[in-house]
Protein backbone atom coordinates (compact mmCIF):
# COMPACT_ATOMS: atom_id res chain seq x y z
CA MET A 1 99.63 114.18 127.80
CA HIS A 2 102.62 116.52 128.15
CA ALA A 3 103.72 115.57 131.67
CA ASP A 4 106.95 114.43 133.29
CA ILE A 5 106.05 110.74 133.59
CA SER A 6 108.22 107.64 133.44
CA ARG A 7 105.98 105.55 131.20
CA ILE A 8 102.36 104.61 130.48
CA THR A 9 101.40 101.14 131.72
CA PHE A 10 97.60 101.10 131.28
CA ARG A 11 96.62 98.34 128.83
CA PRO A 12 92.84 97.75 128.48
CA ASP A 13 93.42 94.33 126.94
CA ARG A 14 95.02 93.10 130.19
CA HIS A 15 91.68 93.58 132.03
CA TYR A 16 93.26 94.78 135.27
CA ALA A 17 90.64 95.96 137.78
CA ALA A 18 92.92 97.78 140.24
CA VAL A 19 96.52 98.52 141.16
CA ILE A 20 97.57 96.76 144.38
CA ALA A 21 100.21 98.56 146.46
CA GLN A 22 102.71 96.28 148.25
CA GLN A 23 104.52 97.07 151.47
CA GLY A 24 108.17 97.99 151.29
CA ARG A 25 108.07 98.54 147.52
CA VAL A 26 108.94 101.61 145.55
CA GLN A 27 105.83 103.39 144.30
CA LEU A 28 106.15 104.89 140.82
CA ASP A 29 104.13 107.55 139.04
CA ALA A 30 103.07 104.91 136.50
CA ASP A 31 101.27 102.93 139.23
CA ALA A 32 99.14 105.83 140.41
CA ASN A 33 98.46 106.93 136.83
CA GLU A 34 97.37 103.42 135.85
CA GLN A 35 94.92 103.30 138.77
CA ALA A 36 93.38 106.58 137.60
CA ALA A 37 93.24 105.29 134.02
CA ILE A 38 91.52 102.05 135.13
CA GLN A 39 88.86 103.97 137.04
CA LEU A 40 88.24 106.38 134.16
CA PHE A 41 87.98 103.50 131.70
CA GLN A 42 85.49 101.62 133.87
CA ALA A 43 83.34 104.66 134.60
CA ARG A 44 83.21 105.83 131.00
CA THR A 45 82.60 102.38 129.59
CA THR A 46 79.67 101.95 131.99
CA ALA A 47 78.27 105.36 131.07
CA SER A 48 78.59 104.63 127.34
CA ASP A 49 76.92 101.22 127.70
CA LEU A 50 73.95 102.73 129.53
CA ILE A 51 73.62 106.07 127.75
CA GLY A 52 74.98 105.38 124.29
CA GLN A 53 77.44 107.49 122.34
CA HIS A 54 75.93 110.72 123.68
CA GLY A 55 73.01 111.94 125.78
CA GLY A 56 71.98 114.09 128.72
CA PRO A 57 69.82 113.55 131.84
CA ARG A 58 66.18 114.46 131.26
CA GLY A 59 65.38 117.75 132.95
CA ALA A 60 69.04 118.81 133.09
CA THR A 61 70.20 118.15 129.50
CA GLY A 62 72.83 120.70 128.60
CA PHE A 63 74.06 122.29 125.37
CA ALA A 64 70.70 123.43 124.02
CA VAL A 65 71.66 125.52 120.97
CA GLY A 66 69.80 128.67 119.99
CA PHE A 67 70.50 130.91 116.99
CA GLU A 68 70.87 134.69 117.27
CA GLY A 69 71.18 136.61 114.02
CA GLY A 70 73.52 139.59 114.01
CA GLY A 71 74.18 140.67 110.46
CA ARG A 72 75.43 137.32 109.19
CA GLU A 73 79.13 137.85 109.91
CA LEU A 74 78.53 138.28 113.62
CA ASP A 75 75.79 135.70 114.09
CA ASN A 76 75.89 133.93 117.42
CA LEU A 77 74.77 130.72 119.06
CA THR A 78 73.62 130.40 122.65
CA ILE A 79 74.68 127.31 124.59
CA GLY A 80 72.26 126.26 127.31
CA GLY A 81 73.54 125.10 130.69
CA GLY A 82 73.32 121.56 131.96
CA ARG A 83 75.10 118.24 131.65
CA TYR A 84 75.81 116.01 128.66
CA TYR A 85 77.78 112.79 128.13
CA VAL A 86 79.88 112.12 125.04
CA ALA A 87 81.64 108.72 124.81
CA GLY A 88 81.02 108.40 128.56
CA ILE A 89 82.80 111.70 129.31
CA LEU A 90 80.79 114.06 131.52
CA LEU A 91 80.52 117.64 130.21
CA ASP A 92 79.01 120.59 132.05
CA ALA A 93 77.87 123.69 130.17
CA THR A 94 76.73 125.55 133.28
CA ARG A 95 78.25 129.02 133.27
CA PRO A 96 79.77 129.96 136.66
CA GLN A 97 78.36 133.10 138.23
CA PRO A 98 80.44 135.57 140.22
CA GLY A 99 80.37 135.39 143.99
CA THR A 100 79.39 138.14 146.41
CA PRO A 101 82.33 140.34 147.43
CA VAL A 102 82.79 141.77 150.90
CA VAL A 103 81.85 145.44 150.92
CA GLU A 104 84.37 147.70 152.66
CA ASP A 105 83.44 148.46 156.31
CA GLY A 106 80.57 146.04 155.95
CA GLN A 107 78.32 148.78 154.56
CA PRO A 108 77.11 149.23 150.97
CA ALA A 109 78.28 152.36 149.20
CA GLU A 110 75.77 155.19 149.41
CA GLN A 111 74.03 156.22 146.25
CA GLY A 112 75.87 159.08 144.58
CA ASP A 113 79.19 158.30 146.27
CA GLU A 114 81.79 159.40 143.70
CA GLU A 115 84.51 157.19 145.19
CA ALA A 116 82.40 154.07 145.02
CA ALA A 117 83.64 151.59 142.41
CA PRO A 118 81.20 151.04 139.56
CA ALA A 119 79.31 147.78 139.75
CA ALA A 120 80.67 145.10 137.46
CA PRO A 121 78.29 144.13 134.65
CA LYS A 122 76.46 140.90 135.32
CA PRO A 123 77.73 138.13 133.04
CA PRO A 124 75.29 136.27 130.80
CA ALA A 125 73.52 133.28 132.29
CA THR A 126 74.76 130.94 129.53
CA TRP A 127 77.78 130.53 127.28
CA THR A 128 77.71 131.59 123.64
CA TYR A 129 79.63 130.53 120.57
CA TRP A 130 81.96 133.54 120.85
CA ASP A 131 82.78 133.31 124.56
CA GLN A 132 82.65 129.56 125.25
CA PRO A 133 85.39 128.71 127.78
CA ASP A 134 87.65 126.58 125.58
CA GLY A 135 86.65 127.83 122.13
CA TYR A 136 88.78 130.98 121.79
CA ARG A 137 86.91 132.06 118.66
CA ASP A 138 88.07 135.34 117.08
CA PRO A 139 85.56 137.46 115.08
CA GLU A 140 88.48 138.92 113.12
CA ARG A 141 89.33 135.51 111.68
CA PRO A 142 86.99 134.61 108.81
CA GLY A 143 87.46 130.91 109.50
CA ASP A 144 85.97 131.32 112.97
CA ARG A 145 82.73 132.96 111.86
CA LEU A 146 79.54 130.99 111.64
CA PRO A 147 78.52 129.84 108.14
CA THR A 148 76.46 132.33 106.16
CA GLN A 149 74.64 129.58 104.29
CA PHE A 150 71.94 127.50 105.93
CA PRO A 151 71.51 124.84 107.02
CA TYR A 152 74.58 123.90 109.05
CA LEU A 153 75.22 121.60 111.97
CA ALA A 154 76.25 122.76 115.45
CA CYS A 155 78.26 119.94 117.01
CA LEU A 156 80.32 119.18 120.09
CA LYS A 157 84.03 118.42 119.87
CA VAL A 158 85.45 116.79 123.01
CA TRP A 159 88.95 115.75 124.00
CA GLU A 160 91.37 115.80 126.94
CA ARG A 161 94.73 117.41 127.49
CA SER A 162 97.22 117.78 130.32
CA VAL A 163 97.71 121.00 132.28
CA THR A 164 100.81 121.80 134.34
CA ALA A 165 101.78 124.67 136.63
CA ALA A 166 103.26 126.51 133.63
CA GLU A 167 99.73 126.97 132.33
CA ASP A 168 97.86 127.07 135.65
CA PRO A 169 100.02 128.64 138.39
CA LEU A 170 97.45 127.70 141.05
CA LEU A 171 98.65 124.08 140.74
CA ARG A 172 101.97 125.02 142.29
CA GLU A 173 102.27 124.75 146.08
CA VAL A 174 103.97 128.01 147.03
CA ALA A 175 104.90 126.61 150.44
CA LEU A 176 107.47 124.40 148.71
CA GLY A 177 109.37 127.45 147.54
CA SER A 178 110.25 128.69 144.06
CA ALA A 179 113.33 126.46 143.85
CA MET A 180 111.24 123.28 144.05
CA PRO A 181 109.65 121.80 140.93
CA ASP A 182 105.90 121.61 140.49
CA THR A 183 103.99 118.59 141.72
CA ALA A 184 101.25 116.68 139.92
CA ALA A 185 99.73 117.73 136.59
CA ARG A 186 96.04 117.62 135.73
CA LEU A 187 93.94 116.07 132.96
CA LYS A 188 91.43 118.60 131.61
CA THR A 189 88.29 117.85 129.62
CA VAL A 190 87.91 120.30 126.74
CA TRP A 191 84.64 120.88 124.87
CA GLN A 192 83.90 123.18 121.97
CA VAL A 193 80.68 123.93 120.10
CA LEU A 194 81.65 124.27 116.44
CA PRO A 195 79.74 124.68 113.16
CA LEU A 196 79.89 122.14 110.35
CA PRO A 197 78.64 123.39 106.96
CA GLY A 198 75.75 121.35 105.64
CA SER A 199 77.57 120.85 102.34
CA GLN A 200 80.05 118.53 104.09
CA LEU A 201 77.28 116.15 105.12
CA GLU A 202 75.99 115.48 101.57
CA LEU A 203 72.34 115.75 102.57
CA GLU A 204 69.36 116.47 100.38
CA GLU A 205 67.01 119.34 101.16
CA GLY A 206 64.39 118.49 103.77
CA ALA A 207 66.47 115.82 105.49
CA THR A 208 65.01 114.36 108.68
CA LYS A 209 66.75 114.42 112.04
CA ASP A 210 67.68 110.75 111.75
CA GLN A 211 69.19 111.36 108.32
CA VAL A 212 71.22 114.27 109.70
CA ARG A 213 72.48 112.13 112.57
CA ALA A 214 73.45 109.32 110.18
CA ALA A 215 75.27 111.70 107.83
CA PHE A 216 77.11 113.22 110.79
CA ALA A 217 78.18 109.78 112.04
CA LYS A 218 79.62 109.08 108.59
CA TRP A 219 81.49 112.40 108.67
CA VAL A 220 82.91 111.63 112.12
CA ALA A 221 84.22 108.27 110.92
CA GLY A 222 86.17 110.09 108.23
CA GLN A 223 87.93 112.33 110.77
CA ALA A 224 89.87 109.56 112.45
CA PRO A 225 93.57 109.55 111.53
CA SER A 226 94.87 106.47 109.79
CA ALA A 227 98.52 106.93 110.78
CA ARG A 228 100.39 104.12 112.49
CA MET A 229 103.93 104.06 113.85
CA ALA A 230 106.39 101.51 115.19
CA ALA A 231 109.54 101.95 117.26
CA ARG A 232 112.65 99.91 117.90
CA SER A 233 116.16 100.29 119.25
CA GLU A 234 119.37 99.55 117.43
CA ARG A 235 122.98 99.62 118.50
CA PRO A 236 124.35 102.96 117.26
CA GLU A 237 127.55 103.22 115.26
CA HIS A 238 129.35 105.12 118.05
CA ALA A 239 128.58 102.54 120.77
CA ASP A 240 132.28 101.61 121.17
CA GLU A 241 133.39 105.18 121.91
CA ASP A 242 132.34 105.04 125.57
CA PRO A 243 131.57 101.46 126.67
CA CYS A 244 131.38 102.46 130.33
CA LEU A 245 127.78 103.63 130.19
CA VAL A 246 126.24 100.29 129.26
CA LYS A 247 127.49 96.94 128.10
CA PRO A 248 128.97 97.01 124.56
CA ASP A 249 126.20 94.91 123.01
CA ALA A 250 123.43 97.22 124.22
CA ARG A 251 121.27 98.77 121.51
CA TYR A 252 119.87 101.79 123.33
CA ARG A 253 122.84 103.79 124.58
CA GLY A 254 121.29 106.85 126.19
CA PRO A 255 122.87 107.82 129.50
CA GLU A 256 119.49 107.80 131.27
CA ASN A 257 116.06 106.24 131.06
CA GLN A 258 113.86 108.34 128.79
CA MET A 259 110.24 108.71 127.82
CA TYR A 260 110.30 109.73 124.17
CA ARG A 261 107.29 111.48 122.72
CA VAL A 262 106.78 111.56 118.95
CA GLU A 263 104.08 114.09 118.09
CA ILE A 264 102.56 115.19 114.79
CA HIS A 265 103.01 118.92 114.26
CA GLU A 266 101.41 119.68 110.89
CA GLY A 267 98.86 117.19 109.62
CA GLY A 268 97.61 115.93 106.29
CA ALA A 269 99.16 113.48 103.88
CA ALA A 270 102.78 112.44 104.35
CA LYS A 271 104.03 115.02 101.85
CA ASP A 272 102.55 117.81 103.99
CA ALA A 273 102.90 116.37 107.50
CA THR A 274 105.70 116.99 109.98
CA PHE A 275 106.59 115.67 113.43
CA LYS A 276 108.65 116.66 116.45
CA TRP A 277 110.02 114.64 119.33
CA SER A 278 111.07 115.08 122.94
CA ARG A 279 113.06 112.81 125.23
CA GLU A 280 111.09 114.16 128.23
CA ASN A 281 107.56 113.53 126.87
CA GLY A 282 107.30 117.21 125.90
CA SER A 283 107.19 118.21 129.58
CA VAL A 284 110.08 120.73 129.52
CA THR A 285 108.30 124.09 129.60
CA PHE A 286 109.24 127.64 130.59
CA ALA A 287 106.66 130.17 131.73
CA VAL A 288 106.93 133.48 129.85
CA ASP A 289 107.02 136.71 131.86
CA GLU A 290 107.42 139.17 129.01
CA LEU A 291 107.74 139.24 125.22
CA ASP A 292 109.71 141.97 123.45
CA GLY A 293 110.07 141.28 119.75
CA THR A 294 112.26 138.19 119.43
CA TRP A 295 113.43 138.40 123.06
CA VAL A 296 111.49 136.36 125.61
CA GLU A 297 111.89 136.84 129.35
CA LEU A 298 111.23 133.64 131.27
CA ALA A 299 110.28 132.94 134.87
CA SER A 300 113.14 130.42 134.97
CA LEU A 301 115.69 128.95 132.60
CA GLY A 302 115.41 125.46 134.07
CA SER A 303 116.57 123.64 137.15
CA ASP A 304 119.56 121.78 135.65
CA ASP A 305 121.44 121.17 132.41
CA LYS A 306 118.91 118.52 131.37
CA LEU A 307 115.88 120.76 131.68
CA ASP A 308 117.27 124.08 130.46
CA LEU A 309 117.45 125.94 127.15
CA ASN A 310 120.49 126.15 124.92
CA VAL A 311 121.34 127.77 121.62
CA GLY A 312 120.03 125.59 118.82
CA ASP A 313 117.04 124.21 120.71
CA TRP A 314 113.67 124.25 118.94
CA VAL A 315 110.79 125.61 120.99
CA GLU A 316 107.04 125.97 120.56
CA PHE A 317 105.59 129.27 121.72
CA ALA A 318 102.20 128.37 123.20
CA ASP A 319 99.42 129.50 125.50
CA THR A 320 96.02 128.19 126.56
CA ALA A 321 94.25 129.45 123.43
CA TYR A 322 96.92 128.05 121.10
CA ILE A 323 96.62 124.59 122.63
CA SER A 324 92.82 124.61 122.60
CA ARG A 325 92.62 125.69 118.96
CA GLY A 326 95.00 122.95 117.82
CA GLU A 327 96.36 124.96 114.89
CA PRO A 328 100.16 124.53 114.82
CA LEU A 329 102.47 127.47 114.12
CA PRO A 330 106.13 127.28 113.02
CA LEU A 331 108.58 126.22 115.71
CA LEU A 332 111.23 128.78 116.66
CA ARG A 333 114.96 128.27 117.26
CA VAL A 334 116.85 129.61 120.27
CA GLU A 335 119.55 131.90 118.89
CA GLU A 336 120.93 133.44 122.08
CA VAL A 337 120.64 132.87 125.83
CA ASP A 338 120.98 135.66 128.41
CA LEU A 339 121.44 133.80 131.70
CA PRO A 340 121.51 136.79 134.11
CA GLY A 341 118.40 138.28 132.53
CA ARG A 342 116.59 134.93 132.18
CA ARG A 343 116.02 135.76 128.52
CA VAL A 344 116.34 133.96 125.21
CA ARG A 345 116.35 135.38 121.70
CA LEU A 346 114.31 133.44 119.17
CA SER A 347 114.87 133.05 115.45
CA ALA A 348 111.70 135.03 114.67
CA GLU A 349 109.04 137.00 116.45
CA PRO A 350 106.19 134.73 117.62
CA ASP A 351 102.91 134.84 115.76
CA PRO A 352 100.71 137.78 116.89
CA SER A 353 97.93 135.37 117.93
CA VAL A 354 100.06 133.80 120.69
CA GLY A 355 101.59 135.07 123.90
CA ARG A 356 100.23 138.61 124.01
CA ARG A 357 97.65 137.99 126.74
CA PRO A 358 99.11 137.22 130.20
CA GLU A 359 95.83 135.70 131.40
CA LEU A 360 96.38 132.89 128.87
CA HIS A 361 99.69 131.99 130.56
CA PRO A 362 102.14 131.88 127.61
CA PHE A 363 105.08 129.47 127.80
CA LEU A 364 107.80 127.86 125.70
CA ARG A 365 107.84 124.10 125.18
CA ARG A 366 111.21 122.59 124.27
CA TRP A 367 111.53 119.89 121.62
CA ASP A 368 114.72 117.85 121.18
CA HIS A 369 114.84 116.95 117.50
CA ARG A 370 117.47 118.11 115.05
CA SER A 371 117.79 117.85 111.29
CA GLY A 372 118.61 114.17 111.08
CA SER A 373 119.02 111.27 108.71
CA ARG A 374 117.00 108.45 107.25
CA HIS A 375 117.68 104.74 107.79
CA VAL A 376 116.63 102.42 104.99
CA GLY A 377 117.67 98.85 104.36
CA GLY A 378 120.18 98.82 107.21
CA ARG A 379 122.01 101.90 105.90
CA THR A 380 121.82 105.48 107.11
CA LYS A 381 121.48 108.29 104.59
CA PRO A 382 122.65 111.58 106.15
CA GLY A 383 120.68 114.74 105.50
CA ALA A 384 117.63 112.99 104.12
CA SER A 385 115.31 114.17 106.88
CA LYS A 386 115.03 117.97 106.68
CA LEU A 387 113.10 120.49 108.70
CA ARG A 388 110.04 122.43 107.62
CA ASN A 389 108.84 125.24 109.89
CA GLY A 390 111.17 123.82 112.52
CA ALA A 391 109.70 120.29 112.51
CA LEU A 392 110.86 117.08 110.82
CA ARG A 393 109.22 115.95 107.61
CA ILE A 394 107.28 112.70 107.71
CA GLU A 395 109.05 110.04 105.65
CA GLU A 396 107.06 106.84 105.36
CA GLY A 397 108.31 103.32 104.81
CA GLY A 398 111.74 103.72 106.42
CA TRP A 399 113.30 103.75 109.88
CA LEU A 400 114.02 107.28 111.09
CA PRO A 401 116.61 107.75 113.86
CA LEU A 402 115.81 109.89 116.88
CA GLU A 403 118.98 109.53 118.97
CA ASP A 404 121.11 106.94 120.80
CA GLY A 405 119.82 104.05 118.73
CA VAL A 406 116.08 104.79 118.96
CA PHE A 407 114.28 104.53 115.63
CA VAL A 408 110.69 105.11 114.52
CA TYR A 409 108.80 103.94 111.44
CA PHE A 410 105.72 105.51 109.83
CA GLU A 411 103.44 103.26 107.78
CA ALA A 412 103.10 104.28 104.13
CA GLY A 413 99.99 105.81 102.60
CA LYS A 414 98.45 107.28 105.76
CA THR A 415 97.07 110.63 106.93
CA TYR A 416 98.11 112.56 110.03
CA ARG A 417 96.37 114.86 112.51
CA PRO A 418 98.13 117.65 114.47
CA GLY A 419 98.67 116.76 118.11
CA ASP A 420 98.46 112.98 117.71
CA PHE A 421 101.35 111.30 119.50
CA TRP A 422 103.11 108.08 120.45
CA THR A 423 105.30 107.45 123.50
CA VAL A 424 108.41 105.25 123.56
CA ALA A 425 110.03 104.31 126.88
CA ALA A 426 113.79 103.64 126.55
CA ARG A 427 115.62 101.82 129.34
CA THR A 428 119.36 101.59 130.03
CA ALA A 429 118.97 98.32 131.99
CA THR A 430 117.88 96.43 128.88
CA GLY A 431 119.41 98.67 126.22
CA ASP A 432 116.03 98.52 124.52
CA VAL A 433 112.74 100.35 124.11
CA GLU A 434 109.38 99.20 125.41
CA TRP A 435 107.27 98.58 122.32
CA PRO A 436 104.85 95.76 121.38
CA THR A 437 106.35 93.03 119.20
CA ASP A 438 105.17 89.78 117.63
CA ALA A 439 106.54 86.30 118.35
CA ALA A 440 109.49 87.00 116.07
CA ARG A 441 110.25 90.21 118.02
CA ARG A 442 109.25 92.40 115.09
CA PRO A 443 107.85 95.80 116.15
CA LEU A 444 104.10 96.13 115.69
CA LEU A 445 102.47 99.15 114.07
CA GLN A 446 100.39 101.12 116.57
CA SER A 447 97.72 103.81 116.20
CA PRO A 448 98.36 107.06 118.09
CA ALA A 449 98.06 106.95 121.87
CA GLY A 450 96.14 110.24 121.58
CA ILE A 451 94.60 112.65 121.03
CA GLN A 452 91.24 110.86 121.29
CA VAL A 453 88.65 113.25 119.85
CA HIS A 454 84.91 112.62 120.22
CA TYR A 455 81.98 114.35 118.51
CA ALA A 456 78.25 114.68 119.09
CA PRO A 457 75.54 116.48 117.06
CA LEU A 458 73.66 119.23 118.89
CA ALA A 459 71.42 121.10 116.46
CA TRP A 460 70.58 121.46 112.77
CA VAL A 461 70.54 125.24 112.28
CA LEU A 462 68.02 126.06 109.55
CA GLY A 463 68.05 129.85 109.83
CA GLU A 464 66.74 132.73 111.87
CA GLY A 465 64.75 131.36 114.79
CA SER A 466 64.69 127.85 113.35
CA VAL A 467 66.84 125.22 115.08
CA ALA A 468 66.16 121.48 115.05
CA ASP A 469 67.37 119.89 118.29
CA LEU A 470 69.49 116.76 117.73
CA ARG A 471 70.39 116.01 121.33
CA MET A 472 69.46 112.78 123.08
CA SER A 473 68.16 112.45 126.63
CA PHE A 474 67.64 109.66 129.13
CA GLY A 475 65.49 109.31 132.24
CA PRO A 476 66.50 107.99 135.67
CA LEU A 477 66.58 104.22 136.11
CA ALA A 478 65.27 104.36 139.66
CA ALA A 479 61.56 103.65 140.31
CA VAL A 480 59.25 103.48 143.33
CA ILE A 481 59.83 100.40 145.46
CA PRO A 482 56.62 98.24 145.53
CA ALA A 483 54.98 97.48 148.88
CA ALA A 484 55.57 93.74 148.46
CA SER A 485 57.53 91.33 146.30
CA GLU A 486 56.42 90.41 142.81
CA GLU A 487 55.25 86.97 144.01
CA ASP A 488 53.12 88.46 146.78
CA LEU A 489 51.59 90.96 144.40
CA ALA A 490 50.79 88.20 141.90
CA ALA A 491 49.20 86.00 144.60
CA GLU A 492 47.16 88.94 145.86
CA ALA A 493 45.95 89.72 142.36
CA ALA A 494 45.00 86.06 141.79
CA ALA A 495 43.05 85.97 145.06
CA GLU A 496 41.19 89.15 144.16
CA ALA A 497 40.32 87.70 140.75
CA GLU A 498 39.08 84.46 142.32
CA ALA A 499 36.92 86.36 144.82
CA ALA A 500 35.46 88.50 142.07
CA ALA A 501 34.64 85.39 140.04
CA ALA A 502 32.95 83.76 143.05
CA GLU A 503 30.79 86.81 143.65
CA THR A 504 29.78 86.83 140.00
CA GLY A 505 28.84 83.14 140.17
CA ALA A 506 26.72 83.64 143.31
CA ALA A 507 24.84 86.48 141.72
CA ASP A 508 24.08 84.38 138.64
CA SER A 509 22.70 81.45 140.71
CA SER A 510 20.31 83.65 142.70
CA ALA A 511 18.82 85.28 139.62
CA PRO A 512 15.27 83.94 138.60
CA GLN A 513 15.01 81.66 135.56
CA THR A 514 13.35 83.12 132.54
CA ALA A 515 11.13 81.28 130.13
CA GLY A 516 13.07 79.06 127.76
CA GLN A 517 16.31 79.23 129.79
CA ASP A 518 18.15 75.91 130.02
CA ASP A 519 19.08 74.72 133.50
CA HIS A 520 22.54 73.19 133.54
CA GLY A 521 23.03 73.22 137.32
CA PRO A 522 23.98 70.09 139.33
CA LEU A 523 20.35 69.41 140.33
CA ALA A 524 19.02 69.32 136.77
CA ASN A 525 18.80 65.58 136.72
């Protein structure tokens, strides 16, 4: 998550059940965040254990997919309202309906009143593929259109991302004043209904629903990134220039504690992938008020010299749609800063798909990398790590320096996914970074801390008016409470059976004997 946090302390393998506050102690953001993470982990693990990988409550199962033909290129899918769980994460596809406004003077406008405002059109009752809340599909982009060849799979893509006041101004408490920073960020669940061409599932014609689900599960397994990274600290060559900051033998020599974020920008194999890094966990953002060519007017240029913009900084021009789509664009360099006008001039005009719609809350995100060097075999090779589209190239199998003695290492032969990230906490008190190590204090390779993406199949779209539902549903566990305990009910049933048997026996003994019938009663002898 891009938030101004000190570090991430949640470790599922420690099996902590709660965070216990102690009197007279300093409370840190990491403590509260770990408590929230523990509760989310417990709730979602329980839901997954009971429901499975995905499913919805019977009678209120959401995300029913329907196909609407519209000339192939503008085909559409309807998305039914209701709830659905994917990997224990609750999703709600119910489309909000507008409220009832107060009519001026408390009276409805008379029919034929020319000054009366026209009634707003009533929104659809359900979402569709083209207007789903976090999809941001564009009919003008061929890659966003639904497949023209049938069959194809409609599936759910689910993940979480952080939201700050730069993207949602309602999070800011205006009573604190404009000079005060924002308060807490939010974690948002994002869902998208997306098409997957049937050719990618390698299915034969006439496949059953179970075969489609199995092929989809195989496809999902292939989407997981294989990248792993390690981090360490090392005493930089210039450590003796200013020994006052920390003791001379310290390895991390930054002037302050930092939360480094290493994030993949462009994905793919190592030869195509790039990364960027921030010493503030990517939390330094600037809300955009206006865009004029390469000049960007900002709501603020930062509160201090640590959180401001300077010539040479690399920034990412983003908005809500850009983040939700997850398709990285080239980073831009700050070429000029106009302090009185709160403006910066960028190295190029931002892509037309970003920042032109104020309702999407455009902003700049600052990254702190520079064209650096590569560290192999204990020696540093200047100029080996170059930029591509403003981001650093991935170089596997060697230690890459960030700054102040912090190094990262990418495992060789892996693939990368845009947005995946690792966090590295650096501390001046120890002159070291917080990173898992083995008994010999060797850094351990770690998978990305995020983004955790989950998928679920919804429907196998066969053509016009033909959709095979692939959703799962579950019923409530609750049942009617019996009038008595199980033991009492069993005893009552046994007594009723015994009474019935006795009545049957009495009826048999009173019946007259017929010729040739043997008498085996107690008086026979």
